[in-house]
Amino acid sequence: MPGLGDLVPPPEPVRARWRIRLGAAVVILLIALGIAVVVGALGAAGSSTEVPASEPVLASTGEPEAPAILIVQVGGAVRQPGVYSLRTGARLLDAIAAAGGLADDADADAINLARQIGDGEQITVPRVGEVPPAADPGAATGGVTAAPGPIDLNTATVEQLDTLPRIGPSIAQRIVDWRTENGRFSSVDDLAEISGIGDKTIESLRGLVLPE
């Protein structure tokens, strides 16, 4: 058997190669750990999807509904007489604006620009010096004439309503005020909600007003 003196350390070249291999193994292990960390981070980031704030969210019903419209004919002292489409709830001034505005000879003081207009209405703006047609229960007053027929509770002025039986200026104003606060009348029976209008008055108005 060899003695203790025979156990000598390996030569220097062998120890150098061993250190190189050990260092290489450590480097490879560190690279592998780094790759694992990067892959894990990328995977975590990819698991969360965000919608950009600027991306619009569409309702299940699709595009928003188009606003309701009404169609009126505008003539007389306006720059571009014709038939125009307006949003529901439009005023007389909107109809005149659609027709290019008042003509130079229009009698602006004879019309109520704030009056709400109705679908299918025929509007005639008077010229200075013109005399409106004789008063008719179905004709508009205040310088804007309409075809004869029942008075529309949803568009009539106080003056128009005052021509109806059993309706004086005070009750006519209440009708306009109720319309402003509550919206359009659905039938003549809605008048029962207005103070001063009873069943007899409503019956006397049937056939003379719209809606029936």
N, C-alpha and C. Protein backbone atom coordinates (compact mmCIF):
# COMPACT_ATOMS: atom_id res chain seq x y z
N MET A 1 0.85 -1.19 0.00
CA MET A 1 0.00 0.00 0.00
C MET A 1 0.87 1.23 0.00
N PRO A 2 0.38 2.26 -0.72
CA PRO A 2 1.19 3.48 -0.76
C PRO A 2 1.12 4.18 0.57
N GLY A 3 2.10 4.82 0.98
CA GLY A 3 2.14 5.56 2.22
C GLY A 3 1.52 6.92 2.07
N LEU A 4 1.39 7.62 3.24
CA LEU A 4 0.81 8.97 3.19
C LEU A 4 1.63 9.89 2.34
N GLY A 5 2.90 9.62 2.28
CA GLY A 5 3.74 10.49 1.48
C GLY A 5 3.50 10.35 -0.01
N ASP A 6 2.78 9.19 -0.38
CA ASP A 6 2.50 9.01 -1.81
C ASP A 6 1.29 9.81 -2.27
N LEU A 7 0.34 10.35 -1.29
CA LEU A 7 -0.85 11.12 -1.67
C LEU A 7 -0.45 12.56 -1.90
N VAL A 8 -0.23 12.88 -3.11
CA VAL A 8 0.20 14.24 -3.48
C VAL A 8 -0.93 14.92 -4.23
N PRO A 9 -1.11 16.25 -4.10
CA PRO A 9 -2.18 16.98 -4.83
C PRO A 9 -1.95 16.88 -6.32
N PRO A 10 -3.10 16.98 -7.08
CA PRO A 10 -2.97 16.92 -8.54
C PRO A 10 -2.14 18.07 -9.04
N PRO A 11 -1.61 17.90 -10.14
CA PRO A 11 -0.79 18.99 -10.69
C PRO A 11 -1.63 20.23 -10.98
N GLU A 12 -0.97 21.37 -11.10
CA GLU A 12 -1.63 22.67 -11.31
C GLU A 12 -2.51 22.70 -12.55
N PRO A 13 -2.12 22.15 -13.70
CA PRO A 13 -3.01 22.19 -14.89
C PRO A 13 -4.33 21.52 -14.63
N VAL A 14 -4.36 20.41 -13.85
CA VAL A 14 -5.61 19.72 -13.57
C VAL A 14 -6.52 20.60 -12.73
N ARG A 15 -5.95 21.26 -11.70
CA ARG A 15 -6.75 22.14 -10.85
C ARG A 15 -7.29 23.31 -11.65
N ALA A 16 -6.56 23.84 -12.58
CA ALA A 16 -7.03 24.97 -13.40
C ALA A 16 -8.22 24.56 -14.25
N ARG A 17 -8.11 23.35 -14.87
CA ARG A 17 -9.24 22.90 -15.70
C ARG A 17 -10.49 22.69 -14.85
N TRP A 18 -10.26 22.20 -13.60
CA TRP A 18 -11.42 21.96 -12.72
C TRP A 18 -12.11 23.27 -12.34
N ARG A 19 -11.33 24.30 -12.06
CA ARG A 19 -11.91 25.61 -11.73
C ARG A 19 -12.66 26.20 -12.93
N ILE A 20 -12.11 26.02 -14.12
CA ILE A 20 -12.77 26.56 -15.32
C ILE A 20 -14.12 25.88 -15.53
N ARG A 21 -14.14 24.54 -15.37
CA ARG A 21 -15.40 23.82 -15.56
C ARG A 21 -16.45 24.23 -14.51
N LEU A 22 -15.96 24.38 -13.26
CA LEU A 22 -16.88 24.79 -12.20
C LEU A 22 -17.44 26.19 -12.47
N GLY A 23 -16.58 27.10 -12.91
CA GLY A 23 -17.05 28.46 -13.22
C GLY A 23 -18.04 28.47 -14.37
N ALA A 24 -17.77 27.65 -15.39
CA ALA A 24 -18.68 27.58 -16.53
C ALA A 24 -20.04 27.06 -16.09
N ALA A 25 -20.02 26.05 -15.21
CA ALA A 25 -21.28 25.48 -14.73
C ALA A 25 -22.09 26.53 -13.97
N VAL A 26 -21.39 27.33 -13.15
CA VAL A 26 -22.09 28.39 -12.41
C VAL A 26 -22.69 29.42 -13.35
N VAL A 27 -21.94 29.81 -14.38
CA VAL A 27 -22.43 30.80 -15.36
C VAL A 27 -23.66 30.27 -16.07
N ILE A 28 -23.61 28.98 -16.51
CA ILE A 28 -24.76 28.38 -17.21
C ILE A 28 -25.99 28.36 -16.31
N LEU A 29 -25.76 28.02 -15.02
CA LEU A 29 -26.88 27.99 -14.08
C LEU A 29 -27.49 29.37 -13.90
N LEU A 30 -26.63 30.39 -13.79
CA LEU A 30 -27.15 31.76 -13.64
C LEU A 30 -27.92 32.21 -14.87
N ILE A 31 -27.43 31.86 -16.07
CA ILE A 31 -28.14 32.22 -17.32
C ILE A 31 -29.50 31.55 -17.36
N ALA A 32 -29.52 30.26 -16.98
CA ALA A 32 -30.79 29.54 -16.99
C ALA A 32 -31.79 30.17 -16.03
N LEU A 33 -31.32 30.55 -14.84
CA LEU A 33 -32.21 31.21 -13.88
C LEU A 33 -32.73 32.54 -14.41
N GLY A 34 -31.83 33.28 -15.08
CA GLY A 34 -32.25 34.57 -15.64
C GLY A 34 -33.31 34.39 -16.71
N ILE A 35 -33.11 33.41 -17.59
CA ILE A 35 -34.09 33.16 -18.64
C ILE A 35 -35.44 32.77 -18.04
N ALA A 36 -35.40 31.95 -16.98
CA ALA A 36 -36.65 31.53 -16.33
C ALA A 36 -37.39 32.72 -15.75
N VAL A 37 -36.63 33.64 -15.15
CA VAL A 37 -37.26 34.83 -14.56
C VAL A 37 -37.90 35.69 -15.64
N VAL A 38 -37.19 35.89 -16.76
CA VAL A 38 -37.71 36.73 -17.85
C VAL A 38 -38.96 36.11 -18.45
N VAL A 39 -38.91 34.79 -18.72
CA VAL A 39 -40.07 34.11 -19.30
C VAL A 39 -41.27 34.19 -18.37
N GLY A 40 -41.05 34.03 -17.06
CA GLY A 40 -42.14 34.13 -16.11
C GLY A 40 -42.76 35.51 -16.08
N ALA A 41 -41.92 36.54 -16.17
CA ALA A 41 -42.43 37.92 -16.16
C ALA A 41 -43.25 38.19 -17.40
N LEU A 42 -42.77 37.73 -18.56
CA LEU A 42 -43.51 37.94 -19.80
C LEU A 42 -44.85 37.21 -19.78
N GLY A 43 -44.85 36.03 -19.21
CA GLY A 43 -46.10 35.28 -19.13
C GLY A 43 -47.11 35.97 -18.24
N ALA A 44 -46.64 36.51 -17.13
CA ALA A 44 -47.55 37.22 -16.22
C ALA A 44 -48.11 38.47 -16.87
N ALA A 45 -47.27 39.17 -17.63
CA ALA A 45 -47.75 40.40 -18.30
C ALA A 45 -48.75 40.04 -19.38
N GLY A 46 -48.55 38.94 -20.05
CA GLY A 46 -49.46 38.60 -21.13
C GLY A 46 -50.80 38.07 -20.66
N SER A 47 -50.89 37.70 -19.39
CA SER A 47 -52.15 37.14 -18.89
C SER A 47 -53.18 38.20 -18.60
N SER A 48 -52.84 39.50 -18.62
CA SER A 48 -53.76 40.60 -18.34
C SER A 48 -53.96 41.42 -19.59
N THR A 49 -55.23 41.55 -20.03
CA THR A 49 -55.54 42.31 -21.24
C THR A 49 -56.35 43.53 -20.87
N GLU A 50 -55.93 44.70 -21.26
CA GLU A 50 -56.63 45.93 -20.97
C GLU A 50 -57.20 46.52 -22.25
N VAL A 51 -58.41 47.11 -22.15
CA VAL A 51 -59.02 47.80 -23.29
C VAL A 51 -58.59 49.25 -23.25
N PRO A 52 -58.00 49.77 -24.31
CA PRO A 52 -57.58 51.18 -24.29
C PRO A 52 -58.74 52.09 -23.92
N ALA A 53 -58.43 53.13 -23.15
CA ALA A 53 -59.49 54.03 -22.69
C ALA A 53 -60.19 54.71 -23.84
N SER A 54 -59.48 54.90 -24.96
CA SER A 54 -60.07 55.62 -26.07
C SER A 54 -60.95 54.75 -26.95
N GLU A 55 -60.96 53.43 -26.69
CA GLU A 55 -61.75 52.53 -27.52
C GLU A 55 -63.22 52.65 -27.15
N PRO A 56 -64.12 52.99 -28.09
CA PRO A 56 -65.52 53.17 -27.74
C PRO A 56 -66.18 51.85 -27.40
N VAL A 57 -67.10 51.88 -26.47
CA VAL A 57 -67.87 50.71 -26.08
C VAL A 57 -69.24 50.81 -26.73
N LEU A 58 -69.56 49.88 -27.61
CA LEU A 58 -70.82 49.93 -28.34
C LEU A 58 -71.92 49.25 -27.55
N ALA A 59 -73.08 49.84 -27.54
CA ALA A 59 -74.22 49.23 -26.88
C ALA A 59 -74.70 48.04 -27.70
N SER A 60 -75.37 47.10 -27.02
CA SER A 60 -75.84 45.91 -27.73
C SER A 60 -76.89 46.25 -28.76
N THR A 61 -77.53 47.41 -28.62
CA THR A 61 -78.56 47.80 -29.58
C THR A 61 -77.98 48.47 -30.81
N GLY A 62 -76.66 48.66 -30.87
CA GLY A 62 -76.04 49.27 -32.05
C GLY A 62 -76.00 50.77 -31.93
N GLU A 63 -76.19 51.44 -33.05
CA GLU A 63 -76.10 52.89 -33.09
C GLU A 63 -77.26 53.51 -32.33
N PRO A 64 -77.04 54.71 -31.77
CA PRO A 64 -78.13 55.38 -31.05
C PRO A 64 -79.27 55.71 -31.99
N GLU A 65 -80.47 55.73 -31.42
CA GLU A 65 -81.64 56.00 -32.24
C GLU A 65 -81.59 57.42 -32.81
N ALA A 66 -82.06 57.55 -34.04
CA ALA A 66 -82.13 58.87 -34.66
C ALA A 66 -83.21 59.70 -33.97
N PRO A 67 -82.98 61.00 -33.81
CA PRO A 67 -83.99 61.83 -33.15
C PRO A 67 -85.27 61.89 -33.97
N ALA A 68 -86.43 61.96 -33.28
CA ALA A 68 -87.70 62.09 -33.98
C ALA A 68 -87.72 63.42 -34.74
N ILE A 69 -88.40 63.43 -35.87
CA ILE A 69 -88.44 64.64 -36.68
C ILE A 69 -89.89 65.00 -36.99
N LEU A 70 -90.09 66.23 -37.36
CA LEU A 70 -91.38 66.68 -37.87
C LEU A 70 -91.13 67.42 -39.18
N ILE A 71 -92.11 67.42 -40.03
CA ILE A 71 -91.99 68.02 -41.37
C ILE A 71 -92.99 69.15 -41.47
N VAL A 72 -92.53 70.32 -41.87
CA VAL A 72 -93.40 71.50 -42.00
C VAL A 72 -93.14 72.19 -43.33
N GLN A 73 -94.13 72.92 -43.77
CA GLN A 73 -94.00 73.74 -44.98
C GLN A 73 -93.95 75.21 -44.55
N VAL A 74 -92.94 75.90 -45.02
CA VAL A 74 -92.75 77.30 -44.64
C VAL A 74 -92.84 78.17 -45.90
N GLY A 75 -93.67 79.18 -45.86
CA GLY A 75 -93.84 80.07 -47.01
C GLY A 75 -94.04 81.50 -46.57
N GLY A 76 -94.41 82.35 -47.51
CA GLY A 76 -94.61 83.75 -47.20
C GLY A 76 -93.29 84.52 -47.24
N ALA A 77 -93.10 85.41 -46.26
CA ALA A 77 -91.96 86.31 -46.26
C ALA A 77 -90.73 85.65 -45.65
N VAL A 78 -90.24 84.58 -46.30
CA VAL A 78 -88.98 83.95 -45.93
C VAL A 78 -88.11 83.87 -47.17
N ARG A 79 -86.82 83.67 -46.98
CA ARG A 79 -85.88 83.73 -48.10
C ARG A 79 -85.90 82.46 -48.96
N GLN A 80 -86.21 81.33 -48.36
CA GLN A 80 -86.19 80.07 -49.11
C GLN A 80 -87.42 79.24 -48.74
N PRO A 81 -88.59 79.59 -49.27
CA PRO A 81 -89.80 78.81 -48.95
C PRO A 81 -89.63 77.35 -49.35
N GLY A 82 -90.25 76.47 -48.61
CA GLY A 82 -90.16 75.05 -48.94
C GLY A 82 -90.60 74.18 -47.79
N VAL A 83 -90.36 72.88 -47.95
CA VAL A 83 -90.70 71.89 -46.94
C VAL A 83 -89.42 71.48 -46.22
N TYR A 84 -89.46 71.49 -44.89
CA TYR A 84 -88.25 71.25 -44.10
C TYR A 84 -88.51 70.23 -43.00
N SER A 85 -87.47 69.46 -42.66
CA SER A 85 -87.50 68.50 -41.55
C SER A 85 -86.81 69.14 -40.35
N LEU A 86 -87.48 69.08 -39.21
CA LEU A 86 -86.94 69.67 -37.97
C LEU A 86 -87.09 68.65 -36.84
N ARG A 87 -86.33 68.87 -35.78
CA ARG A 87 -86.45 68.01 -34.60
C ARG A 87 -87.79 68.26 -33.91
N THR A 88 -88.35 67.20 -33.36
CA THR A 88 -89.58 67.36 -32.59
C THR A 88 -89.35 68.32 -31.43
N GLY A 89 -90.30 69.23 -31.24
CA GLY A 89 -90.16 70.24 -30.20
C GLY A 89 -89.60 71.55 -30.73
N ALA A 90 -89.38 71.62 -32.06
CA ALA A 90 -88.83 72.84 -32.65
C ALA A 90 -89.81 74.00 -32.51
N ARG A 91 -89.28 75.20 -32.51
CA ARG A 91 -90.07 76.42 -32.41
C ARG A 91 -90.20 77.06 -33.79
N LEU A 92 -91.07 78.06 -33.85
CA LEU A 92 -91.28 78.75 -35.12
C LEU A 92 -89.98 79.37 -35.63
N LEU A 93 -89.16 79.85 -34.72
CA LEU A 93 -87.89 80.47 -35.15
C LEU A 93 -86.99 79.44 -35.81
N ASP A 94 -87.07 78.15 -35.41
CA ASP A 94 -86.27 77.10 -36.05
C ASP A 94 -86.74 76.86 -37.49
N ALA A 95 -88.05 76.87 -37.70
CA ALA A 95 -88.58 76.67 -39.04
C ALA A 95 -88.19 77.81 -39.95
N ILE A 96 -88.24 79.03 -39.43
CA ILE A 96 -87.87 80.20 -40.25
C ILE A 96 -86.38 80.18 -40.55
N ALA A 97 -85.57 79.77 -39.59
CA ALA A 97 -84.13 79.67 -39.82
C ALA A 97 -83.83 78.63 -40.90
N ALA A 98 -84.56 77.51 -40.88
CA ALA A 98 -84.36 76.48 -41.90
C ALA A 98 -84.72 77.01 -43.28
N ALA A 99 -85.67 77.94 -43.34
CA ALA A 99 -86.09 78.53 -44.61
C ALA A 99 -85.25 79.74 -45.00
N GLY A 100 -84.09 79.88 -44.40
CA GLY A 100 -83.17 80.94 -44.78
C GLY A 100 -83.35 82.24 -44.03
N GLY A 101 -84.29 82.28 -43.09
CA GLY A 101 -84.52 83.50 -42.32
C GLY A 101 -85.64 84.34 -42.92
N LEU A 102 -85.99 85.41 -42.21
CA LEU A 102 -87.05 86.30 -42.66
C LEU A 102 -86.61 87.12 -43.86
N ALA A 103 -87.54 87.35 -44.77
CA ALA A 103 -87.28 88.24 -45.89
C ALA A 103 -87.25 89.68 -45.39
N ASP A 104 -86.72 90.57 -46.22
CA ASP A 104 -86.59 91.98 -45.80
C ASP A 104 -87.94 92.62 -45.50
N ASP A 105 -89.00 92.15 -46.17
CA ASP A 105 -90.31 92.77 -45.98
C ASP A 105 -91.20 91.98 -45.03
N ALA A 106 -90.61 91.06 -44.25
CA ALA A 106 -91.40 90.27 -43.31
C ALA A 106 -91.86 91.14 -42.14
N ASP A 107 -93.07 90.87 -41.66
CA ASP A 107 -93.59 91.58 -40.50
C ASP A 107 -93.24 90.76 -39.26
N ALA A 108 -92.02 90.96 -38.74
CA ALA A 108 -91.53 90.15 -37.63
C ALA A 108 -92.34 90.35 -36.36
N ASP A 109 -92.96 91.51 -36.21
CA ASP A 109 -93.73 91.78 -34.99
C ASP A 109 -95.08 91.07 -34.99
N ALA A 110 -95.46 90.49 -36.11
CA ALA A 110 -96.77 89.86 -36.21
C ALA A 110 -96.72 88.36 -35.94
N ILE A 111 -95.56 87.84 -35.65
CA ILE A 111 -95.43 86.39 -35.44
C ILE A 111 -94.82 86.10 -34.07
N ASN A 112 -95.13 84.94 -33.57
CA ASN A 112 -94.61 84.49 -32.27
C ASN A 112 -93.50 83.49 -32.53
N LEU A 113 -92.26 83.96 -32.52
CA LEU A 113 -91.12 83.10 -32.85
C LEU A 113 -90.91 81.99 -31.83
N ALA A 114 -91.44 82.15 -30.63
CA ALA A 114 -91.23 81.14 -29.59
C ALA A 114 -92.28 80.03 -29.63
N ARG A 115 -93.24 80.14 -30.53
CA ARG A 115 -94.31 79.13 -30.58
C ARG A 115 -93.77 77.78 -31.01
N GLN A 116 -94.22 76.72 -30.33
CA GLN A 116 -93.84 75.37 -30.71
C GLN A 116 -94.66 74.93 -31.91
N ILE A 117 -94.02 74.29 -32.87
CA ILE A 117 -94.72 73.90 -34.08
C ILE A 117 -94.96 72.39 -34.09
N GLY A 118 -95.92 71.97 -34.92
CA GLY A 118 -96.29 70.56 -34.98
C GLY A 118 -96.00 69.96 -36.33
N ASP A 119 -96.02 68.64 -36.38
CA ASP A 119 -95.75 67.91 -37.62
C ASP A 119 -96.85 68.17 -38.65
N GLY A 120 -96.44 68.39 -39.89
CA GLY A 120 -97.39 68.62 -40.96
C GLY A 120 -97.95 70.03 -41.02
N GLU A 121 -97.43 70.93 -40.24
CA GLU A 121 -97.97 72.30 -40.19
C GLU A 121 -97.54 73.10 -41.40
N GLN A 122 -98.46 73.95 -41.87
CA GLN A 122 -98.16 74.89 -42.95
C GLN A 122 -98.03 76.28 -42.34
N ILE A 123 -96.86 76.87 -42.49
CA ILE A 123 -96.55 78.16 -41.86
C ILE A 123 -96.40 79.22 -42.95
N THR A 124 -97.13 80.31 -42.78
CA THR A 124 -97.03 81.42 -43.72
C THR A 124 -96.67 82.69 -42.95
N VAL A 125 -95.51 83.23 -43.22
CA VAL A 125 -95.05 84.44 -42.54
C VAL A 125 -95.58 85.65 -43.31
N PRO A 126 -96.31 86.56 -42.66
CA PRO A 126 -96.89 87.72 -43.37
C PRO A 126 -95.83 88.77 -43.71
N ARG A 127 -96.13 89.51 -44.73
CA ARG A 127 -95.28 90.65 -45.10
C ARG A 127 -95.84 91.92 -44.48
N VAL A 128 -95.02 92.93 -44.38
CA VAL A 128 -95.46 94.19 -43.79
C VAL A 128 -96.63 94.74 -44.60
N GLY A 129 -97.73 95.09 -43.91
CA GLY A 129 -98.89 95.64 -44.57
C GLY A 129 -99.92 94.60 -44.96
N GLU A 130 -99.55 93.33 -44.91
CA GLU A 130 -100.53 92.28 -45.24
C GLU A 130 -101.54 92.16 -44.11
N VAL A 131 -102.79 91.90 -44.49
CA VAL A 131 -103.83 91.67 -43.50
C VAL A 131 -104.10 90.18 -43.45
N PRO A 132 -103.93 89.56 -42.28
CA PRO A 132 -104.17 88.12 -42.17
C PRO A 132 -105.60 87.78 -42.56
N PRO A 133 -105.86 86.57 -43.04
CA PRO A 133 -107.23 86.17 -43.38
C PRO A 133 -108.16 86.32 -42.19
N ALA A 134 -109.44 86.38 -42.46
CA ALA A 134 -110.43 86.52 -41.38
C ALA A 134 -110.26 85.38 -40.39
N ALA A 135 -110.49 85.70 -39.12
CA ALA A 135 -110.30 84.71 -38.07
C ALA A 135 -111.15 83.48 -38.33
N ASP A 136 -110.56 82.31 -38.16
CA ASP A 136 -111.25 81.04 -38.37
C ASP A 136 -110.89 80.13 -37.20
N PRO A 137 -111.85 79.36 -36.66
CA PRO A 137 -111.53 78.52 -35.50
C PRO A 137 -110.37 77.58 -35.74
N GLY A 138 -110.13 77.21 -37.01
CA GLY A 138 -109.04 76.30 -37.29
C GLY A 138 -107.82 76.97 -37.83
N ALA A 139 -107.80 78.30 -37.88
CA ALA A 139 -106.66 79.00 -38.45
C ALA A 139 -105.78 79.55 -37.36
N ALA A 140 -104.49 79.57 -37.61
CA ALA A 140 -103.56 80.13 -36.64
C ALA A 140 -103.67 81.63 -36.62
N THR A 141 -103.41 82.22 -35.45
CA THR A 141 -103.40 83.67 -35.34
C THR A 141 -102.00 84.13 -35.08
N GLY A 142 -101.86 85.44 -34.83
CA GLY A 142 -100.53 85.97 -34.55
C GLY A 142 -99.69 86.08 -35.80
N GLY A 143 -100.34 86.16 -36.99
CA GLY A 143 -99.58 86.38 -38.21
C GLY A 143 -99.11 85.12 -38.89
N VAL A 144 -99.38 83.94 -38.35
CA VAL A 144 -99.00 82.69 -39.00
C VAL A 144 -100.28 81.93 -39.31
N THR A 145 -100.57 81.73 -40.56
CA THR A 145 -101.82 81.12 -40.96
C THR A 145 -101.62 79.64 -41.21
N ALA A 146 -102.67 78.89 -41.06
CA ALA A 146 -102.64 77.46 -41.30
C ALA A 146 -103.90 77.05 -42.02
N ALA A 147 -103.89 75.87 -42.63
CA ALA A 147 -105.06 75.39 -43.34
C ALA A 147 -106.21 75.20 -42.34
N PRO A 148 -107.49 75.48 -42.79
CA PRO A 148 -108.62 75.31 -41.88
C PRO A 148 -108.70 73.88 -41.37
N GLY A 149 -109.18 73.74 -40.16
CA GLY A 149 -109.31 72.41 -39.58
C GLY A 149 -109.24 72.49 -38.07
N PRO A 150 -109.28 71.34 -37.40
CA PRO A 150 -109.22 71.32 -35.94
C PRO A 150 -107.95 71.98 -35.42
N ILE A 151 -108.04 72.55 -34.24
CA ILE A 151 -106.88 73.18 -33.60
C ILE A 151 -106.08 72.10 -32.88
N ASP A 152 -104.78 72.09 -33.09
CA ASP A 152 -103.90 71.11 -32.46
C ASP A 152 -103.52 71.61 -31.07
N LEU A 153 -103.93 70.88 -30.05
CA LEU A 153 -103.62 71.28 -28.67
C LEU A 153 -102.12 71.33 -28.42
N ASN A 154 -101.35 70.61 -29.20
CA ASN A 154 -99.90 70.54 -28.98
C ASN A 154 -99.13 71.67 -29.66
N THR A 155 -99.79 72.46 -30.49
CA THR A 155 -99.09 73.55 -31.18
C THR A 155 -99.82 74.88 -31.10
N ALA A 156 -101.07 74.87 -30.69
CA ALA A 156 -101.89 76.08 -30.73
C ALA A 156 -101.38 77.14 -29.75
N THR A 157 -101.55 78.38 -30.14
CA THR A 157 -101.20 79.51 -29.28
C THR A 157 -102.38 79.83 -28.36
N VAL A 158 -102.15 80.71 -27.40
CA VAL A 158 -103.22 81.15 -26.50
C VAL A 158 -104.34 81.78 -27.30
N GLU A 159 -103.99 82.59 -28.32
CA GLU A 159 -105.01 83.25 -29.13
C GLU A 159 -105.87 82.24 -29.88
N GLN A 160 -105.23 81.19 -30.42
CA GLN A 160 -105.99 80.16 -31.12
C GLN A 160 -106.94 79.44 -30.17
N LEU A 161 -106.44 79.05 -29.02
CA LEU A 161 -107.26 78.32 -28.06
C LEU A 161 -108.43 79.17 -27.56
N ASP A 162 -108.23 80.47 -27.52
CA ASP A 162 -109.27 81.38 -27.04
C ASP A 162 -110.48 81.39 -27.97
N THR A 163 -110.32 80.94 -29.21
CA THR A 163 -111.44 80.91 -30.16
C THR A 163 -112.35 79.70 -29.95
N LEU A 164 -111.94 78.76 -29.12
CA LEU A 164 -112.72 77.55 -28.89
C LEU A 164 -113.86 77.83 -27.92
N PRO A 165 -114.96 77.08 -28.03
CA PRO A 165 -116.08 77.28 -27.10
C PRO A 165 -115.69 76.92 -25.68
N ARG A 166 -116.19 77.72 -24.72
CA ARG A 166 -115.96 77.52 -23.29
C ARG A 166 -114.49 77.73 -22.89
N ILE A 167 -113.64 78.21 -23.78
CA ILE A 167 -112.23 78.45 -23.47
C ILE A 167 -111.96 79.96 -23.57
N GLY A 168 -111.66 80.58 -22.45
CA GLY A 168 -111.30 81.99 -22.47
C GLY A 168 -109.79 82.14 -22.38
N PRO A 169 -109.29 83.38 -22.35
CA PRO A 169 -107.84 83.62 -22.31
C PRO A 169 -107.16 82.95 -21.13
N SER A 170 -107.82 82.95 -19.96
CA SER A 170 -107.20 82.37 -18.77
C SER A 170 -107.01 80.86 -18.91
N ILE A 171 -108.06 80.16 -19.35
CA ILE A 171 -107.96 78.71 -19.51
C ILE A 171 -107.04 78.37 -20.67
N ALA A 172 -107.06 79.19 -21.71
CA ALA A 172 -106.15 78.96 -22.84
C ALA A 172 -104.70 79.01 -22.38
N GLN A 173 -104.39 79.95 -21.49
CA GLN A 173 -103.02 80.04 -20.96
C GLN A 173 -102.69 78.82 -20.11
N ARG A 174 -103.68 78.31 -19.36
CA ARG A 174 -103.44 77.11 -18.56
C ARG A 174 -103.13 75.90 -19.45
N ILE A 175 -103.79 75.84 -20.59
CA ILE A 175 -103.54 74.73 -21.53
C ILE A 175 -102.10 74.80 -22.03
N VAL A 176 -101.65 75.98 -22.40
CA VAL A 176 -100.28 76.15 -22.88
C VAL A 176 -99.28 75.84 -21.77
N ASP A 177 -99.59 76.30 -20.55
CA ASP A 177 -98.69 76.04 -19.42
C ASP A 177 -98.61 74.54 -19.12
N TRP A 178 -99.73 73.85 -19.18
CA TRP A 178 -99.72 72.39 -18.93
C TRP A 178 -98.87 71.69 -19.97
N ARG A 179 -99.00 72.11 -21.22
CA ARG A 179 -98.22 71.51 -22.31
C ARG A 179 -96.73 71.74 -22.09
N THR A 180 -96.36 72.91 -21.61
CA THR A 180 -94.95 73.21 -21.36
C THR A 180 -94.38 72.35 -20.24
N GLU A 181 -95.19 72.11 -19.21
CA GLU A 181 -94.72 71.37 -18.04
C GLU A 181 -94.78 69.85 -18.22
N ASN A 182 -95.77 69.37 -18.98
CA ASN A 182 -96.02 67.93 -19.05
C ASN A 182 -95.78 67.31 -20.41
N GLY A 183 -95.53 68.10 -21.42
CA GLY A 183 -95.31 67.55 -22.75
C GLY A 183 -96.59 67.53 -23.58
N ARG A 184 -96.60 66.72 -24.60
CA ARG A 184 -97.68 66.72 -25.57
C ARG A 184 -98.95 66.08 -25.02
N PHE A 185 -100.10 66.57 -25.51
CA PHE A 185 -101.39 65.95 -25.20
C PHE A 185 -101.52 64.68 -26.02
N SER A 186 -102.01 63.62 -25.40
CA SER A 186 -102.25 62.38 -26.13
C SER A 186 -103.69 62.26 -26.61
N SER A 187 -104.60 62.98 -25.96
CA SER A 187 -106.00 63.02 -26.39
C SER A 187 -106.66 64.23 -25.75
N VAL A 188 -107.87 64.55 -26.23
CA VAL A 188 -108.59 65.70 -25.68
C VAL A 188 -108.94 65.45 -24.21
N ASP A 189 -109.01 64.18 -23.80
CA ASP A 189 -109.36 63.87 -22.42
C ASP A 189 -108.29 64.32 -21.43
N ASP A 190 -107.07 64.57 -21.91
CA ASP A 190 -106.01 65.07 -21.03
C ASP A 190 -106.35 66.44 -20.47
N LEU A 191 -107.27 67.15 -21.12
CA LEU A 191 -107.65 68.48 -20.64
C LEU A 191 -108.30 68.41 -19.26
N ALA A 192 -108.80 67.24 -18.88
CA ALA A 192 -109.44 67.09 -17.57
C ALA A 192 -108.45 67.34 -16.44
N GLU A 193 -107.15 67.26 -16.71
CA GLU A 193 -106.15 67.49 -15.68
C GLU A 193 -105.91 68.98 -15.41
N ILE A 194 -106.54 69.82 -16.22
CA ILE A 194 -106.33 71.28 -16.09
C ILE A 194 -107.47 71.88 -15.31
N SER A 195 -107.14 72.68 -14.32
CA SER A 195 -108.15 73.34 -13.48
C SER A 195 -109.05 74.22 -14.33
N GLY A 196 -110.38 74.08 -14.11
CA GLY A 196 -111.33 74.91 -14.83
C GLY A 196 -111.93 74.25 -16.04
N ILE A 197 -111.45 73.06 -16.41
CA ILE A 197 -111.99 72.35 -17.57
C ILE A 197 -112.69 71.10 -17.07
N GLY A 198 -114.01 71.04 -17.30
CA GLY A 198 -114.80 69.90 -16.87
C GLY A 198 -115.24 69.04 -18.04
N ASP A 199 -116.07 68.06 -17.72
CA ASP A 199 -116.52 67.11 -18.74
C ASP A 199 -117.32 67.80 -19.85
N LYS A 200 -118.18 68.78 -19.48
CA LYS A 200 -118.99 69.45 -20.50
C LYS A 200 -118.11 70.21 -21.49
N THR A 201 -117.06 70.85 -20.97
CA THR A 201 -116.14 71.58 -21.86
C THR A 201 -115.43 70.61 -22.79
N ILE A 202 -114.97 69.49 -22.25
CA ILE A 202 -114.26 68.51 -23.08
C ILE A 202 -115.18 67.98 -24.18
N GLU A 203 -116.44 67.68 -23.85
CA GLU A 203 -117.37 67.17 -24.85
C GLU A 203 -117.63 68.21 -25.94
N SER A 204 -117.66 69.50 -25.54
CA SER A 204 -117.90 70.54 -26.54
C SER A 204 -116.72 70.74 -27.48
N LEU A 205 -115.55 70.23 -27.07
CA LEU A 205 -114.34 70.42 -27.88
C LEU A 205 -114.07 69.24 -28.82
N ARG A 206 -114.79 68.15 -28.63
CA ARG A 206 -114.55 67.00 -29.50
C ARG A 206 -114.89 67.34 -30.94
N GLY A 207 -113.97 67.02 -31.83
CA GLY A 207 -114.13 67.36 -33.24
C GLY A 207 -113.56 68.71 -33.60
N LEU A 208 -113.27 69.53 -32.57
CA LEU A 208 -112.72 70.86 -32.83
C LEU A 208 -111.22 70.92 -32.55
N VAL A 209 -110.71 69.93 -31.84
CA VAL A 209 -109.29 69.95 -31.48
C VAL A 209 -108.66 68.61 -31.80
N LEU A 210 -107.35 68.63 -31.89
CA LEU A 210 -106.52 67.43 -32.04
C LEU A 210 -105.50 67.40 -30.90
N PRO A 211 -105.08 66.21 -30.43
CA PRO A 211 -105.59 64.90 -30.81
C PRO A 211 -106.95 64.65 -30.21
N GLU A 212 -107.76 63.81 -30.85
CA GLU A 212 -109.12 63.55 -30.39
C GLU A 212 -109.11 62.61 -29.19
